[in-house]
Every structure is written in C-alpha cells, then in structure tokens.
C-alpha cells in the first residue's frame, strides 16, 4: 500500500484533533502531509498530544492506531497515545 493513499485519512485526523494543537503545530502537521512525510506527521501528532497528556476521543484514537498499523509504526504511535486519557463527553 502506498502511504499517499492514507493522506486523506491523515488529513481528516488532523482536522479532528487540530483544536488540541497550537497554530504552529497544526501548520507543521499540514506541511508534513504536503511533502509526503506521512509517518512523521502521525508520529509528531502523537508526540505533541502526549506531551501534555491531552484527552483523545475514542474514534480519533482508533483511527490513529489503524493508520499507524497500516504504516508499520503502531508501537511508536500506541506508546504516545497511551499517555493520553480518553476524552470525556
């Protein structure tokens, strides 16, 4: 599978979680996607959220883990997300 095929899903994930990031980090995430650094984009998104242990909605967590599995970076992303509690609604 081409990582480029995952770009729409990564873009959607960034949109869903964008409010949890600073403007600068949202911009970096978009730049990573724009230049085809899909794995880096997902890893950095996870790192940024885990730094502050930001609560993550279950649907976004599930999608991030699914993308990570498809990209072969599941352990890296799962480790970061493990620091983020579930979001309460």
N, C-alpha and C. Protein backbone atom coordinates (compact mmCIF):
# COMPACT_ATOMS: atom_id res chain seq x y z
N UNK A 1 0.83 -1.19 0.00
CA UNK A 1 0.00 0.00 0.00
C UNK A 1 0.88 1.25 0.00
N UNK A 2 0.46 2.21 -0.76
CA UNK A 2 1.15 3.50 -0.82
C UNK A 2 0.69 4.36 0.35
N UNK A 3 1.65 4.94 1.04
CA UNK A 3 1.28 5.84 2.13
C UNK A 3 0.47 7.01 1.61
N UNK A 4 0.69 7.41 0.35
CA UNK A 4 -0.05 8.53 -0.21
C UNK A 4 -1.56 8.26 -0.19
N UNK A 5 -1.95 7.00 -0.28
CA UNK A 5 -3.36 6.64 -0.23
C UNK A 5 -3.96 6.93 1.15
N UNK A 6 -3.10 7.07 2.16
CA UNK A 6 -3.56 7.34 3.51
C UNK A 6 -3.70 8.84 3.79
N UNK A 7 -3.23 9.66 2.87
CA UNK A 7 -3.23 11.10 3.10
C UNK A 7 -4.60 11.67 3.46
N UNK A 8 -5.68 11.30 2.75
CA UNK A 8 -6.99 11.86 3.14
C UNK A 8 -7.37 11.50 4.58
N UNK A 9 -7.07 10.29 4.99
CA UNK A 9 -7.38 9.89 6.38
C UNK A 9 -6.53 10.65 7.38
N UNK A 10 -5.25 10.85 7.05
CA UNK A 10 -4.37 11.61 7.93
C UNK A 10 -4.81 13.07 8.01
N UNK A 11 -5.24 13.60 6.90
CA UNK A 11 -5.73 14.98 6.87
C UNK A 11 -6.98 15.11 7.74
N UNK A 12 -7.88 14.16 7.61
CA UNK A 12 -9.10 14.17 8.42
C UNK A 12 -8.78 14.05 9.91
N UNK A 13 -7.82 13.19 10.25
CA UNK A 13 -7.42 13.04 11.65
C UNK A 13 -6.86 14.35 12.17
N UNK A 14 -6.04 15.01 11.36
CA UNK A 14 -5.51 16.31 11.76
C UNK A 14 -6.60 17.33 11.98
N UNK A 15 -7.64 17.29 11.15
CA UNK A 15 -8.77 18.20 11.32
C UNK A 15 -9.52 17.91 12.61
N UNK A 16 -9.71 16.63 12.89
CA UNK A 16 -10.45 16.24 14.10
C UNK A 16 -9.71 16.63 15.37
N UNK A 17 -8.38 16.55 15.33
CA UNK A 17 -7.59 16.82 16.53
C UNK A 17 -6.91 18.19 16.50
N UNK A 18 -7.12 18.93 15.44
CA UNK A 18 -6.44 20.21 15.27
C UNK A 18 -6.67 21.21 16.38
N UNK A 19 -7.86 21.22 16.96
CA UNK A 19 -8.15 22.16 18.04
C UNK A 19 -7.33 21.86 19.29
N UNK A 20 -6.74 20.68 19.36
CA UNK A 20 -5.93 20.30 20.52
C UNK A 20 -4.46 20.70 20.36
N UNK A 21 -4.13 21.29 19.20
CA UNK A 21 -2.77 21.69 18.90
C UNK A 21 -2.65 23.20 18.82
N UNK A 22 -1.42 23.69 18.94
CA UNK A 22 -1.18 25.10 18.70
C UNK A 22 -1.28 25.37 17.20
N UNK A 23 -1.44 26.63 16.85
CA UNK A 23 -1.48 27.01 15.43
C UNK A 23 -0.21 26.57 14.72
N UNK A 24 0.92 26.75 15.37
CA UNK A 24 2.20 26.38 14.77
C UNK A 24 2.26 24.88 14.49
N UNK A 25 1.84 24.09 15.44
CA UNK A 25 1.89 22.64 15.26
C UNK A 25 0.88 22.17 14.20
N UNK A 26 -0.27 22.80 14.13
CA UNK A 26 -1.21 22.47 13.05
C UNK A 26 -0.57 22.74 11.71
N UNK A 27 0.15 23.85 11.62
CA UNK A 27 0.85 24.19 10.38
C UNK A 27 1.92 23.18 10.03
N UNK A 28 2.68 22.76 11.01
CA UNK A 28 3.72 21.75 10.77
C UNK A 28 3.11 20.44 10.29
N UNK A 29 2.02 20.03 10.95
CA UNK A 29 1.36 18.79 10.56
C UNK A 29 0.94 18.87 9.09
N UNK A 30 0.32 19.98 8.71
CA UNK A 30 -0.10 20.16 7.31
C UNK A 30 1.10 20.14 6.37
N UNK A 31 2.20 20.74 6.79
CA UNK A 31 3.41 20.75 5.96
C UNK A 31 3.97 19.33 5.79
N UNK A 32 3.98 18.57 6.86
CA UNK A 32 4.47 17.18 6.77
C UNK A 32 3.64 16.40 5.74
N UNK A 33 2.33 16.56 5.79
CA UNK A 33 1.47 15.88 4.82
C UNK A 33 1.74 16.38 3.41
N UNK A 34 1.90 17.67 3.27
CA UNK A 34 2.11 18.28 1.96
C UNK A 34 3.36 17.74 1.27
N UNK A 35 4.40 17.45 2.05
CA UNK A 35 5.65 16.96 1.44
C UNK A 35 5.76 15.43 1.48
N UNK A 36 4.68 14.77 1.88
CA UNK A 36 4.67 13.31 1.85
C UNK A 36 5.32 12.63 3.03
N UNK A 37 5.53 13.35 4.12
CA UNK A 37 6.11 12.76 5.33
C UNK A 37 4.98 12.26 6.24
N UNK A 38 4.28 11.24 5.75
CA UNK A 38 3.07 10.78 6.43
C UNK A 38 3.35 10.13 7.79
N UNK A 39 4.36 9.29 7.84
CA UNK A 39 4.72 8.65 9.11
C UNK A 39 5.17 9.68 10.13
N UNK A 40 6.00 10.61 9.69
CA UNK A 40 6.47 11.67 10.58
C UNK A 40 5.29 12.50 11.09
N UNK A 41 4.35 12.81 10.21
CA UNK A 41 3.18 13.60 10.61
C UNK A 41 2.43 12.90 11.73
N UNK A 42 2.17 11.61 11.57
CA UNK A 42 1.41 10.88 12.60
C UNK A 42 2.21 10.74 13.88
N UNK A 43 3.49 10.47 13.77
CA UNK A 43 4.33 10.37 14.96
C UNK A 43 4.39 11.69 15.72
N UNK A 44 4.56 12.78 15.00
CA UNK A 44 4.64 14.08 15.66
C UNK A 44 3.30 14.47 16.28
N UNK A 45 2.21 14.20 15.58
CA UNK A 45 0.90 14.46 16.15
C UNK A 45 0.75 13.75 17.49
N UNK A 46 1.14 12.50 17.50
CA UNK A 46 1.08 11.71 18.73
C UNK A 46 1.98 12.29 19.82
N UNK A 47 3.19 12.66 19.44
CA UNK A 47 4.13 13.24 20.41
C UNK A 47 3.58 14.52 21.01
N UNK A 48 3.06 15.40 20.16
CA UNK A 48 2.55 16.68 20.65
C UNK A 48 1.40 16.48 21.62
N UNK A 49 0.52 15.55 21.32
CA UNK A 49 -0.62 15.30 22.21
C UNK A 49 -0.18 14.64 23.50
N UNK A 50 0.79 13.74 23.42
CA UNK A 50 1.22 13.02 24.61
C UNK A 50 2.05 13.89 25.55
N UNK A 51 2.70 14.93 25.02
CA UNK A 51 3.49 15.84 25.86
C UNK A 51 2.65 16.41 26.99
N UNK A 52 1.42 16.73 26.69
CA UNK A 52 0.52 17.35 27.67
C UNK A 52 -0.57 16.39 28.13
N UNK A 53 -0.44 15.12 27.73
CA UNK A 53 -1.42 14.10 28.09
C UNK A 53 -2.84 14.57 27.76
N UNK A 54 -2.99 15.04 26.54
CA UNK A 54 -4.27 15.58 26.06
C UNK A 54 -5.28 14.44 25.91
N UNK A 55 -6.48 14.59 26.45
CA UNK A 55 -7.52 13.57 26.25
C UNK A 55 -7.88 13.46 24.76
N UNK A 56 -7.99 12.22 24.29
CA UNK A 56 -8.25 11.94 22.88
C UNK A 56 -9.61 11.22 22.75
N UNK A 57 -10.46 11.70 21.86
CA UNK A 57 -11.73 10.99 21.61
C UNK A 57 -11.45 9.57 21.08
N UNK A 58 -12.28 8.63 21.48
CA UNK A 58 -12.07 7.23 21.11
C UNK A 58 -11.97 7.01 19.60
N UNK A 59 -12.84 7.67 18.83
CA UNK A 59 -12.83 7.49 17.38
C UNK A 59 -11.51 7.94 16.76
N UNK A 60 -10.97 9.06 17.25
CA UNK A 60 -9.70 9.57 16.74
C UNK A 60 -8.56 8.64 17.15
N UNK A 61 -8.62 8.13 18.37
CA UNK A 61 -7.59 7.19 18.84
C UNK A 61 -7.60 5.93 17.97
N UNK A 62 -8.79 5.40 17.71
CA UNK A 62 -8.92 4.19 16.90
C UNK A 62 -8.37 4.42 15.50
N UNK A 63 -8.69 5.56 14.91
CA UNK A 63 -8.21 5.88 13.56
C UNK A 63 -6.69 6.06 13.55
N UNK A 64 -6.15 6.74 14.55
CA UNK A 64 -4.69 6.93 14.62
C UNK A 64 -3.98 5.59 14.72
N UNK A 65 -4.51 4.70 15.53
CA UNK A 65 -3.88 3.38 15.68
C UNK A 65 -4.03 2.55 14.41
N UNK A 66 -5.16 2.66 13.74
CA UNK A 66 -5.34 1.93 12.48
C UNK A 66 -4.36 2.43 11.42
N UNK A 67 -4.22 3.74 11.32
CA UNK A 67 -3.26 4.31 10.37
C UNK A 67 -1.84 3.88 10.71
N UNK A 68 -1.51 3.92 11.99
CA UNK A 68 -0.16 3.53 12.42
C UNK A 68 0.12 2.08 12.08
N UNK A 69 -0.86 1.22 12.25
CA UNK A 69 -0.68 -0.19 11.91
C UNK A 69 -0.43 -0.36 10.42
N UNK A 70 -1.20 0.35 9.61
CA UNK A 70 -1.04 0.27 8.16
C UNK A 70 0.32 0.82 7.71
N UNK A 71 0.88 1.72 8.49
CA UNK A 71 2.15 2.35 8.14
C UNK A 71 3.35 1.66 8.78
N UNK A 72 3.10 0.68 9.64
CA UNK A 72 4.19 -0.03 10.29
C UNK A 72 4.82 0.72 11.44
N UNK A 73 4.07 1.65 12.04
CA UNK A 73 4.60 2.42 13.17
C UNK A 73 3.67 2.32 14.38
N UNK A 74 2.97 1.21 14.48
CA UNK A 74 1.96 1.05 15.53
C UNK A 74 2.54 1.23 16.94
N UNK A 75 3.65 0.57 17.23
CA UNK A 75 4.21 0.64 18.58
C UNK A 75 4.57 2.07 18.95
N UNK A 76 5.14 2.80 18.02
CA UNK A 76 5.56 4.18 18.27
C UNK A 76 4.35 5.06 18.58
N UNK A 77 3.31 4.94 17.79
CA UNK A 77 2.11 5.76 17.99
C UNK A 77 1.32 5.30 19.22
N UNK A 78 1.21 4.00 19.39
CA UNK A 78 0.47 3.47 20.55
C UNK A 78 1.13 3.89 21.85
N UNK A 79 2.45 3.94 21.88
CA UNK A 79 3.17 4.35 23.08
C UNK A 79 2.81 5.78 23.47
N UNK A 80 2.79 6.66 22.49
CA UNK A 80 2.43 8.05 22.78
C UNK A 80 0.99 8.19 23.19
N UNK A 81 0.11 7.52 22.46
CA UNK A 81 -1.31 7.63 22.77
C UNK A 81 -1.66 7.03 24.14
N UNK A 82 -0.83 6.11 24.61
CA UNK A 82 -1.10 5.51 25.92
C UNK A 82 -1.01 6.55 27.04
N UNK A 83 -0.33 7.65 26.77
CA UNK A 83 -0.21 8.72 27.76
C UNK A 83 -1.42 9.66 27.75
N UNK A 84 -2.26 9.53 26.73
CA UNK A 84 -3.42 10.41 26.57
C UNK A 84 -4.68 9.68 27.04
N UNK A 85 -5.34 10.21 28.05
CA UNK A 85 -6.56 9.55 28.53
C UNK A 85 -7.70 9.69 27.51
N UNK A 86 -8.72 8.87 27.65
CA UNK A 86 -9.90 9.03 26.79
C UNK A 86 -10.58 10.36 27.09
N UNK A 87 -11.10 10.98 26.06
CA UNK A 87 -11.85 12.24 26.24
C UNK A 87 -13.21 11.92 26.82
N UNK A 88 -13.64 12.75 27.73
CA UNK A 88 -14.98 12.59 28.29
C UNK A 88 -15.92 13.52 27.53
N UNK A 89 -17.11 13.05 27.29
CA UNK A 89 -18.06 13.87 26.55
C UNK A 89 -19.22 14.25 27.41
